[in-house]
Amino acid sequence: MRLLIALLLPWLVFFTIGRPWSGLLCLILQLTLIGWIPAAIWAVYALNQYQTDKKIAAALGDKR
């Protein structure tokens, strides 16, 4: 579901993963029609990193 949001509303993904400043920057980028594609790519990349971090934390037992 978040992947679909990342493609349609990239800025919203950053708010769902707890990165509001990146979300605001992404929203500014998305306001231009040309910036929509880089914003979507950035959101998908950030979502992938977030999921990877969660998997690593789960594997380590969240010892941090």
C-alpha atoms as a PDB file:
ATOM      1  CA  MET A   1       0.000   0.000   0.000  1.00  0.00           C
ATOM      2  CA  ARG A   2       2.816   2.400   0.842  1.00  0.00           C
ATOM      3  CA  LEU A   3       4.402   1.686  -2.528  1.00  0.00           C
ATOM      4  CA  LEU A   4       1.266   2.897  -4.289  1.00  0.00           C
ATOM      5  CA  ILE A   5       1.252   6.005  -2.114  1.00  0.00           C
ATOM      6  CA  ALA A   6       4.942   6.530  -2.938  1.00  0.00           C
ATOM      7  CA  LEU A   7       4.110   6.647  -6.630  1.00  0.00           C
ATOM      8  CA  LEU A   8       0.982   8.801  -6.390  1.00  0.00           C
ATOM      9  CA  LEU A   9       1.696  11.054  -3.387  1.00  0.00           C
ATOM     10  CA  PRO A  10       5.427  10.772  -2.683  1.00  0.00           C
ATOM     11  CA  TRP A  11       5.496  13.381   0.083  1.00  0.00           C
ATOM     12  CA  LEU A  12       2.948  11.439   2.145  1.00  0.00           C
ATOM     13  CA  VAL A  13       5.242   8.406   2.423  1.00  0.00           C
ATOM     14  CA  PHE A  14       7.815  10.428   4.341  1.00  0.00           C
ATOM     15  CA  PHE A  15       5.217  11.380   6.925  1.00  0.00           C
ATOM     16  CA  THR A  16       4.166   7.734   7.339  1.00  0.00           C
ATOM     17  CA  ILE A  17       7.758   6.614   7.969  1.00  0.00           C
ATOM     18  CA  GLY A  18       8.494   9.406  10.445  1.00  0.00           C
ATOM     19  CA  ARG A  19      10.538  11.821   8.305  1.00  0.00           C
ATOM     20  CA  PRO A  20       8.447  15.024   8.189  1.00  0.00           C
ATOM     21  CA  TRP A  21      11.212  17.377   7.018  1.00  0.00           C
ATOM     22  CA  SER A  22      11.930  15.161   4.054  1.00  0.00           C
ATOM     23  CA  GLY A  23       8.198  15.069   3.413  1.00  0.00           C
ATOM     24  CA  LEU A  24       8.032  18.847   3.222  1.00  0.00           C
ATOM     25  CA  LEU A  25      11.018  18.982   0.897  1.00  0.00           C
ATOM     26  CA  CYS A  26       9.482  16.273  -1.263  1.00  0.00           C
ATOM     27  CA  LEU A  27       6.190  18.196  -1.390  1.00  0.00           C
ATOM     28  CA  ILE A  28       8.003  21.281  -2.657  1.00  0.00           C
ATOM     29  CA  LEU A  29       9.744  19.138  -5.274  1.00  0.00           C
ATOM     30  CA  GLN A  30       6.477  17.493  -6.265  1.00  0.00           C
ATOM     31  CA  LEU A  31       4.715  20.816  -6.814  1.00  0.00           C
ATOM     32  CA  THR A  32       6.539  21.113 -10.111  1.00  0.00           C
ATOM     33  CA  LEU A  33       5.438  18.688 -12.777  1.00  0.00           C
ATOM     34  CA  ILE A  34       9.033  17.869 -13.689  1.00  0.00           C
ATOM     35  CA  GLY A  35       9.882  17.204 -10.029  1.00  0.00           C
ATOM     36  CA  TRP A  36       7.173  14.563  -9.633  1.00  0.00           C
ATOM     37  CA  ILE A  37       9.286  11.737 -11.066  1.00  0.00           C
ATOM     38  CA  PRO A  38      12.376  12.422  -8.892  1.00  0.00           C
ATOM     39  CA  ALA A  39      10.093  12.816  -5.866  1.00  0.00           C
ATOM     40  CA  ALA A  40       8.473   9.444  -6.553  1.00  0.00           C
ATOM     41  CA  ILE A  41      11.848   7.757  -7.035  1.00  0.00           C
ATOM     42  CA  TRP A  42      13.127   9.306  -3.796  1.00  0.00           C
ATOM     43  CA  ALA A  43      10.006   8.162  -1.925  1.00  0.00           C
ATOM     44  CA  VAL A  44      10.320   4.582  -3.193  1.00  0.00           C
ATOM     45  CA  TYR A  45      14.009   4.535  -2.232  1.00  0.00           C
ATOM     46  CA  ALA A  46      13.275   5.919   1.255  1.00  0.00           C
ATOM     47  CA  LEU A  47      10.482   3.390   1.733  1.00  0.00           C
ATOM     48  CA  ASN A  48      12.827   0.568   0.756  1.00  0.00           C
ATOM     49  CA  GLN A  49      15.461   1.799   3.234  1.00  0.00           C
ATOM     50  CA  TYR A  50      12.820   2.069   5.972  1.00  0.00           C
ATOM     51  CA  GLN A  51      11.661  -1.503   5.400  1.00  0.00           C
ATOM     52  CA  THR A  52      15.258  -2.757   5.372  1.00  0.00           C
ATOM     53  CA  ASP A  53      15.998  -0.948   8.646  1.00  0.00           C
ATOM     54  CA  LYS A  54      12.921  -2.530  10.240  1.00  0.00           C
ATOM     55  CA  LYS A  55      14.012  -6.011   9.109  1.00  0.00           C
ATOM     56  CA  ILE A  56      17.517  -5.507  10.476  1.00  0.00           C
ATOM     57  CA  ALA A  57      16.164  -4.222  13.787  1.00  0.00           C
ATOM     58  CA  ALA A  58      13.864  -7.242  14.046  1.00  0.00           C
ATOM     59  CA  ALA A  59      16.723  -9.637  13.258  1.00  0.00           C
ATOM     60  CA  LEU A  60      18.951  -8.067  15.905  1.00  0.00           C
ATOM     61  CA  GLY A  61      16.188  -8.053  18.471  1.00  0.00           C
ATOM     62  CA  ASP A  62      16.153  -4.234  18.469  1.00  0.00           C
ATOM     63  CA  LYS A  63      19.160  -3.979  20.783  1.00  0.00           C
ATOM     64  CA  ARG A  64      19.657  -0.281  20.050  1.00  0.00           C
END
